[in-house]
Amino acid sequence: MDDIPLLLPFLMDGVSKTTVKTLEIPSGVCPEQWIADHPDGLIATQRECCLAGANVLSTPTWGANPPMLEPFGLGGQTWELNGSLAALPFEAASGSVPAAGVLSRTGLPVPPLGHTDFETIVNVYALQARALE
């Protein structure tokens, strides 16, 4: 039994996506760009999460990849947008907890529902991961 490591709880904020729904983002706009332009609501919520004991905050970067940003004319701003959104959790926590970069769907259909190849998907995620880093 002495060889079994002690597991401690690891708490993440987990409310960023929920918070976005309460921010009253206008329909038809890019949620990630809107949050970058209006960060106060997300920052306030993430500060509350830190006070409640969160060990990690997540970035609001769910759809901040070229295929998801392109319909808003922002596909070429992936790097800049991820950078500004990645800074928000650090601001909320005053640097006291790390931030986890969030990658979500690409919107690109893969087999059997579509024809996007695996390498394309990997490249989309690799670009966003590098931008978050």
Protein backbone atom coordinates (compact mmCIF):
# COMPACT_ATOMS: atom_id res chain seq x y z
CA MET A 1 0.00 0.00 0.00
CA ASP A 2 2.91 2.39 0.54
CA ASP A 3 3.65 2.30 -3.21
CA ILE A 4 0.23 3.68 -4.15
CA PRO A 5 0.42 7.42 -4.81
CA LEU A 6 -1.95 9.68 -2.98
CA LEU A 7 -4.43 11.17 -5.44
CA LEU A 8 -5.47 14.71 -4.71
CA PRO A 9 -8.45 16.44 -6.27
CA PHE A 10 -7.63 18.57 -9.28
CA LEU A 11 -10.28 21.20 -9.87
CA MET A 12 -10.84 23.08 -13.11
CA ASP A 13 -13.17 26.01 -13.58
CA GLY A 14 -15.51 24.13 -15.92
CA VAL A 15 -17.90 27.05 -16.23
CA SER A 16 -16.47 29.03 -19.10
CA LYS A 17 -18.82 27.56 -21.73
CA THR A 18 -21.76 27.97 -19.34
CA THR A 19 -20.73 31.54 -18.64
CA VAL A 20 -20.67 32.35 -22.33
CA LYS A 21 -24.34 31.50 -22.53
CA THR A 22 -25.07 34.15 -19.86
CA LEU A 23 -23.00 36.88 -21.51
CA GLU A 24 -25.72 37.71 -24.03
CA ILE A 25 -23.46 37.42 -27.05
CA PRO A 26 -25.36 38.76 -30.06
CA SER A 27 -26.37 36.13 -32.59
CA GLY A 28 -24.37 36.02 -35.77
CA VAL A 29 -21.07 37.11 -34.19
CA CYS A 30 -18.04 34.98 -33.43
CA PRO A 31 -18.27 34.08 -29.72
CA GLU A 32 -14.50 33.92 -29.31
CA GLN A 33 -13.97 37.36 -30.89
CA TRP A 34 -16.81 38.82 -28.82
CA ILE A 35 -15.24 37.47 -25.62
CA ALA A 36 -11.86 38.89 -26.63
CA ASP A 37 -13.54 42.28 -27.13
CA HIS A 38 -15.69 42.02 -23.96
CA PRO A 39 -13.67 39.94 -21.45
CA ASP A 40 -15.04 41.29 -18.16
CA GLY A 41 -17.83 38.73 -17.64
CA LEU A 42 -15.57 35.75 -18.24
CA ILE A 43 -12.79 37.19 -16.08
CA ALA A 44 -15.19 37.84 -13.21
CA THR A 45 -16.52 34.29 -13.35
CA GLN A 46 -13.06 32.78 -13.49
CA ARG A 47 -12.00 34.89 -10.49
CA GLU A 48 -14.93 33.42 -8.58
CA CYS A 49 -13.77 29.95 -9.60
CA CYS A 50 -10.31 30.67 -8.18
CA LEU A 51 -11.85 31.82 -4.93
CA ALA A 52 -13.88 28.61 -4.86
CA GLY A 53 -10.70 26.53 -5.17
CA ALA A 54 -10.10 25.93 -8.88
CA ASN A 55 -6.56 24.72 -9.56
CA VAL A 56 -6.73 25.40 -13.33
CA LEU A 57 -8.71 27.78 -15.51
CA SER A 58 -9.62 26.98 -19.10
CA THR A 59 -9.24 29.23 -22.11
CA PRO A 60 -12.40 30.27 -23.98
CA THR A 61 -11.02 28.95 -27.27
CA TRP A 62 -13.54 26.27 -28.21
CA GLY A 63 -13.99 27.34 -31.81
CA ALA A 64 -10.86 29.46 -32.27
CA ASN A 65 -9.49 27.43 -35.17
CA PRO A 66 -9.44 28.41 -38.88
CA PRO A 67 -12.44 26.35 -40.09
CA MET A 68 -14.67 27.61 -37.27
CA LEU A 69 -13.46 31.22 -37.56
CA GLU A 70 -13.65 31.40 -41.36
CA PRO A 71 -17.45 31.96 -41.57
CA PHE A 72 -16.88 35.16 -39.56
CA GLY A 73 -14.01 36.25 -41.81
CA LEU A 74 -11.53 35.56 -39.00
CA GLY A 75 -9.77 32.42 -40.27
CA GLY A 76 -6.54 34.32 -40.74
CA GLN A 77 -6.62 35.64 -37.17
CA THR A 78 -6.32 32.27 -35.43
CA TRP A 79 -2.93 33.04 -33.92
CA GLU A 80 -3.84 36.49 -32.57
CA LEU A 81 -7.25 35.48 -31.27
CA ASN A 82 -5.97 32.42 -29.41
CA GLY A 83 -3.20 34.53 -27.89
CA SER A 84 -5.58 37.15 -26.55
CA LEU A 85 -8.05 34.56 -25.26
CA ALA A 86 -5.28 32.54 -23.61
CA ALA A 87 -4.30 35.62 -21.60
CA LEU A 88 -7.74 35.97 -19.98
CA PRO A 89 -7.46 33.13 -17.41
CA PHE A 90 -4.06 34.46 -16.31
CA GLU A 91 -5.60 37.89 -15.81
CA ALA A 92 -8.52 36.40 -13.90
CA ALA A 93 -6.22 34.46 -11.57
CA SER A 94 -3.51 37.13 -11.36
CA GLY A 95 -1.13 34.37 -12.42
CA SER A 96 -1.89 32.24 -9.35
CA VAL A 97 -3.13 29.18 -11.28
CA PRO A 98 -2.25 27.74 -14.70
CA ALA A 99 -4.51 27.84 -17.72
CA ALA A 100 -5.47 24.85 -19.85
CA GLY A 101 -5.84 25.52 -23.56
CA VAL A 102 -9.14 24.23 -24.92
CA LEU A 103 -9.43 22.72 -28.40
CA SER A 104 -12.88 21.76 -29.58
CA ARG A 105 -14.56 20.82 -32.83
CA THR A 106 -13.32 21.97 -36.19
CA GLY A 107 -16.62 21.83 -38.03
CA LEU A 108 -14.92 19.78 -40.75
CA PRO A 109 -16.82 16.58 -41.60
CA VAL A 110 -14.73 13.42 -41.39
CA PRO A 111 -15.53 9.99 -42.86
CA PRO A 112 -18.05 8.49 -43.07
CA LEU A 113 -20.00 11.78 -42.97
CA GLY A 114 -17.53 13.82 -45.00
CA HIS A 115 -14.20 13.78 -46.77
CA THR A 116 -11.83 15.75 -44.55
CA ASP A 117 -8.66 13.73 -44.20
CA PHE A 118 -6.93 13.02 -40.89
CA GLU A 119 -3.88 15.13 -41.73
CA THR A 120 -6.04 18.22 -42.28
CA ILE A 121 -7.64 17.80 -38.86
CA VAL A 122 -4.23 17.30 -37.23
CA ASN A 123 -2.92 20.46 -38.92
CA VAL A 124 -5.90 22.51 -37.69
CA TYR A 125 -5.39 21.36 -34.10
CA ALA A 126 -1.60 21.76 -34.32
CA LEU A 127 -1.94 25.39 -35.45
CA GLN A 128 -4.34 26.20 -32.63
CA ALA A 129 -2.21 24.38 -30.04
CA ARG A 130 0.89 26.31 -31.11
CA ALA A 131 -1.07 29.58 -30.94
CA LEU A 132 -2.25 28.74 -27.42
CA GLU A 133 1.23 27.77 -26.32
